[in-house]
Amino acid sequence: MFHIGFWFVLMPLAVVMGIIILVAKLFSGAFSRNEPEERVDETRMIQEMYNSMNNLEQRMDVLETLLIEQDRREGEKSNERT
């Protein structure tokens, strides 16, 4: 059986080596789950979201314009009554 001092050297060494291996794999992209097809799908989804946001912005501009015009008309009507 191994002496206890052996485990105090072996275990920290194993942990340090494991961390070094994990960091190396992380930087090399070994843990990257994105295959080229998945990247294309993600890119397509991001583009769709961007286009949807642009459409939403245009709709909001139209609604703001309609509300401003409605307020202006109501203001003109109230001025005519007085």
Protein backbone atom coordinates (compact mmCIF):
# COMPACT_ATOMS: atom_id res chain seq x y z
CA MET A 1 0.00 0.00 0.00
CA PHE A 2 1.15 3.51 -0.78
CA HIS A 3 2.26 5.86 1.93
CA ILE A 4 -0.13 8.77 2.76
CA GLY A 5 2.46 11.33 1.63
CA PHE A 6 2.23 9.83 -1.85
CA TRP A 7 -1.49 10.74 -2.09
CA PHE A 8 -0.78 14.31 -0.92
CA VAL A 9 1.49 14.67 -3.93
CA LEU A 10 -0.46 12.62 -6.47
CA MET A 11 -3.94 14.09 -5.93
CA PRO A 12 -3.00 17.79 -6.29
CA LEU A 13 -0.88 16.90 -9.30
CA ALA A 14 -3.83 15.05 -10.89
CA VAL A 15 -6.17 17.98 -10.19
CA VAL A 16 -3.75 20.50 -11.69
CA MET A 17 -3.24 18.33 -14.77
CA GLY A 18 -7.00 17.93 -15.15
CA ILE A 19 -7.51 21.69 -14.99
CA ILE A 20 -4.77 22.26 -17.55
CA ILE A 21 -6.37 19.72 -19.91
CA LEU A 22 -9.83 21.28 -19.50
CA VAL A 23 -8.51 24.78 -20.17
CA ALA A 24 -6.62 23.55 -23.23
CA LYS A 25 -9.75 21.86 -24.59
CA LEU A 26 -11.81 24.95 -23.87
CA PHE A 27 -9.45 27.19 -25.81
CA SER A 28 -9.09 24.72 -28.66
CA GLY A 29 -12.86 24.51 -29.08
CA ALA A 30 -13.15 20.83 -28.21
CA PHE A 31 -16.21 21.56 -26.10
CA SER A 32 -17.86 23.56 -28.86
CA ARG A 33 -21.20 21.95 -29.59
CA ASN A 34 -21.82 24.10 -32.63
CA GLU A 35 -21.53 22.14 -35.80
CA PRO A 36 -21.49 24.10 -39.08
CA GLU A 37 -25.19 23.30 -39.64
CA GLU A 38 -26.06 24.56 -36.18
CA ARG A 39 -24.11 27.76 -36.79
CA VAL A 40 -26.05 28.32 -40.00
CA ASP A 41 -29.32 27.81 -38.13
CA GLU A 42 -28.24 30.19 -35.37
CA THR A 43 -27.21 32.79 -37.94
CA ARG A 44 -30.55 32.44 -39.70
CA MET A 45 -32.44 32.83 -36.42
CA ILE A 46 -30.45 35.93 -35.52
CA GLN A 47 -31.17 37.45 -38.93
CA GLU A 48 -34.88 36.70 -38.54
CA MET A 49 -34.88 38.31 -35.10
CA TYR A 50 -33.13 41.39 -36.51
CA ASN A 51 -35.66 41.66 -39.33
CA SER A 52 -38.54 41.20 -36.89
CA MET A 53 -37.15 43.96 -34.69
CA ASN A 54 -36.92 46.28 -37.69
CA ASN A 55 -40.53 45.51 -38.59
CA LEU A 56 -41.59 46.13 -35.00
CA GLU A 57 -39.76 49.46 -34.99
CA GLN A 58 -41.56 50.52 -38.18
CA ARG A 59 -44.93 49.53 -36.70
CA MET A 60 -44.19 51.52 -33.56
CA ASP A 61 -43.32 54.57 -35.66
CA VAL A 62 -46.62 54.26 -37.51
CA LEU A 63 -48.55 53.88 -34.24
CA GLU A 64 -46.81 56.91 -32.75
CA THR A 65 -47.69 58.93 -35.84
CA LEU A 66 -51.33 57.84 -35.63
CA LEU A 67 -51.53 58.74 -31.95
CA ILE A 68 -49.94 62.14 -32.52
CA GLU A 69 -52.38 62.87 -35.37
CA GLN A 70 -55.32 61.74 -33.22
CA ASP A 71 -54.22 64.01 -30.37
CA ARG A 72 -53.81 66.90 -32.81
CA ARG A 73 -57.32 66.37 -34.25
CA GLU A 74 -58.85 66.14 -30.79
CA GLY A 75 -57.03 69.34 -29.82
CA GLU A 76 -58.38 71.11 -32.92
CA LYS A 77 -61.94 69.93 -32.16
CA SER A 78 -61.74 71.15 -28.56
CA ASN A 79 -60.42 74.54 -29.78
CA GLU A 80 -63.34 74.86 -32.23
CA ARG A 81 -65.88 74.20 -29.47
CA THR A 82 -64.56 76.96 -27.25
